[in-house]
Amino acid sequence: MKAGRDSSCVPLIAHPSAKADGKFAIAARADVREPGTLAFRYLIGGDLARVRLPRAKEPERADRLWQHTCVEAFIRAPGAAAYHELNFSPSGDWAVYRFTGYREGMSSPEGVWPPQILARRLGTGSKWMRPYG
């Protein structure tokens, strides 16, 4: 995905322990707001009554968010093997990891500013795929 230009909609991939039935979709977008600042937007549609959403709380850095409800972003420079994985939970919790290669050499970088996470539920019948216009 090119930051600030493209958005895409792909089927939501459920955790392997969940019963996937294809009744969800997700739209994702990344924008460069200013040098060094990215904004991510994720919109999830479908039968959200079946999704366990954590309650909002005081945000903190937390590991293993991927085992619960979270969205992720993977960022790397063109042609580079190293990349960063970012995890964002509707609770406000977050994580950032650096990898030297695909799932190799994981570390938690220090000095990372906590992201601002806003999670909200749109009303039934909302045109949830439209906000990129």
Protein backbone atom coordinates (compact mmCIF):
# COMPACT_ATOMS: atom_id res chain seq x y z
CA MET A 1 0.00 0.00 0.00
CA LYS A 2 1.39 3.42 -0.93
CA ALA A 3 1.01 5.84 1.95
CA GLY A 4 -1.57 8.54 1.33
CA ARG A 5 -2.67 7.25 -2.07
CA ASP A 6 -4.21 3.80 -1.95
CA SER A 7 -6.62 1.99 0.27
CA SER A 8 -7.63 -1.60 -0.03
CA CYS A 9 -10.26 -3.92 1.30
CA VAL A 10 -9.37 -7.52 2.00
CA PRO A 11 -11.14 -10.26 3.95
CA LEU A 12 -10.39 -10.11 7.68
CA ILE A 13 -8.14 -13.01 8.61
CA ALA A 14 -9.27 -14.42 11.92
CA HIS A 15 -6.91 -15.97 14.44
CA PRO A 16 -6.45 -19.70 13.63
CA SER A 17 -8.32 -20.69 16.81
CA ALA A 18 -11.43 -18.78 15.67
CA LYS A 19 -14.05 -20.20 13.36
CA ALA A 20 -13.56 -18.16 10.17
CA ASP A 21 -16.74 -17.83 8.13
CA GLY A 22 -15.94 -14.91 5.80
CA LYS A 23 -18.52 -12.58 7.40
CA PHE A 24 -16.04 -9.79 8.08
CA ALA A 25 -14.12 -7.32 5.93
CA ILE A 26 -11.43 -4.79 6.75
CA ALA A 27 -10.31 -1.62 5.01
CA ALA A 28 -6.90 -0.15 5.83
CA ARG A 29 -5.12 3.06 4.95
CA ALA A 30 -1.80 4.66 5.88
CA ASP A 31 -1.05 8.36 5.40
CA VAL A 32 2.12 10.38 5.89
CA ARG A 33 0.96 13.40 7.90
CA GLU A 34 4.37 15.07 8.14
CA PRO A 35 7.92 13.73 7.90
CA GLY A 36 8.28 10.93 10.44
CA THR A 37 4.56 10.74 11.24
CA LEU A 38 2.22 8.05 9.94
CA ALA A 39 -1.52 7.79 10.46
CA PHE A 40 -3.24 4.42 10.09
CA ARG A 41 -6.96 3.90 9.71
CA TYR A 42 -8.62 0.52 9.99
CA LEU A 43 -12.32 -0.03 9.46
CA ILE A 44 -13.83 -3.40 10.26
CA GLY A 45 -17.26 -4.35 8.98
CA GLY A 46 -19.49 -7.34 9.57
CA ASP A 47 -21.15 -8.99 12.52
CA LEU A 48 -19.16 -7.13 15.18
CA ALA A 49 -21.31 -8.59 17.94
CA ARG A 50 -19.16 -11.70 17.41
CA VAL A 51 -15.89 -9.79 17.94
CA ARG A 52 -14.44 -9.51 21.45
CA LEU A 53 -13.44 -5.88 21.76
CA PRO A 54 -11.37 -4.98 24.82
CA ARG A 55 -12.53 -2.07 26.96
CA ALA A 56 -10.70 1.24 26.59
CA LYS A 57 -8.19 1.87 29.36
CA GLU A 58 -5.08 3.87 30.07
CA PRO A 59 -2.87 3.01 27.06
CA GLU A 60 0.36 1.15 27.64
CA ARG A 61 2.94 -0.80 25.70
CA ALA A 62 1.94 -4.47 25.81
CA ASP A 63 3.21 -7.71 24.31
CA ARG A 64 1.16 -10.47 22.71
CA LEU A 65 -1.61 -8.18 21.43
CA TRP A 66 -1.79 -10.40 18.35
CA GLN A 67 -3.31 -13.09 20.60
CA HIS A 68 -6.36 -10.86 21.10
CA THR A 69 -8.17 -8.22 19.11
CA CYS A 70 -5.69 -5.89 17.42
CA VAL A 71 -4.73 -4.55 14.02
CA GLU A 72 -1.19 -4.58 12.66
CA ALA A 73 1.03 -2.69 10.25
CA PHE A 74 4.35 -3.84 8.80
CA ILE A 75 6.80 -1.20 7.56
CA ARG A 76 10.09 -1.63 5.72
CA ALA A 77 12.22 0.36 3.33
CA PRO A 78 12.12 -0.79 -0.30
CA GLY A 79 14.54 -3.68 -0.82
CA ALA A 80 15.40 -3.98 2.88
CA ALA A 81 15.08 -7.19 4.87
CA ALA A 82 14.60 -5.42 8.22
CA TYR A 83 11.13 -4.18 9.10
CA HIS A 84 8.97 -2.93 11.95
CA GLU A 85 5.72 -4.47 13.16
CA LEU A 86 3.19 -2.23 14.88
CA ASN A 87 0.22 -3.56 16.88
CA PHE A 88 -2.75 -1.40 17.90
CA SER A 89 -5.57 -2.52 20.20
CA PRO A 90 -8.96 -0.80 20.60
CA SER A 91 -8.16 -0.77 24.34
CA GLY A 92 -5.37 1.75 23.64
CA ASP A 93 -2.56 -0.77 24.18
CA TRP A 94 0.15 -0.91 21.54
CA ALA A 95 3.44 -2.55 20.61
CA VAL A 96 6.32 -1.94 18.22
CA TYR A 97 8.86 -4.57 17.23
CA ARG A 98 11.90 -4.46 14.96
CA PHE A 99 12.92 -7.54 12.95
CA THR A 100 16.21 -8.01 11.09
CA GLY A 101 14.47 -10.34 8.59
CA TYR A 102 11.21 -12.23 8.18
CA ARG A 103 10.32 -13.23 11.76
CA GLU A 104 14.02 -13.09 12.71
CA GLY A 105 16.00 -10.96 15.14
CA MET A 106 13.05 -9.47 17.01
CA SER A 107 13.68 -6.58 19.40
CA SER A 108 11.57 -3.90 21.07
CA PRO A 109 12.97 -0.51 20.12
CA GLU A 110 13.29 2.01 22.96
CA GLY A 111 12.36 5.67 22.75
CA VAL A 112 9.20 5.02 20.73
CA TRP A 113 6.44 7.57 21.28
CA PRO A 114 3.10 5.98 22.20
CA PRO A 115 0.58 6.18 19.36
CA GLN A 116 -2.75 7.91 19.70
CA ILE A 117 -5.44 5.25 19.26
CA LEU A 118 -9.09 6.10 18.75
CA ALA A 119 -11.60 3.26 18.50
CA ARG A 120 -15.27 3.87 17.87
CA ARG A 121 -18.25 1.90 16.70
CA LEU A 122 -20.24 3.29 13.77
CA GLY A 123 -24.00 2.92 13.74
CA THR A 124 -25.81 0.08 12.02
CA GLY A 125 -26.09 0.75 8.31
CA SER A 126 -23.14 3.18 8.26
CA LYS A 127 -21.29 3.35 4.98
CA TRP A 128 -18.15 2.12 6.68
CA MET A 129 -16.22 1.67 3.43
CA ARG A 130 -16.71 5.29 2.35
CA PRO A 131 -14.50 7.43 4.66
CA TYR A 132 -11.52 7.47 2.27
CA GLY A 133 -13.24 9.79 -0.21
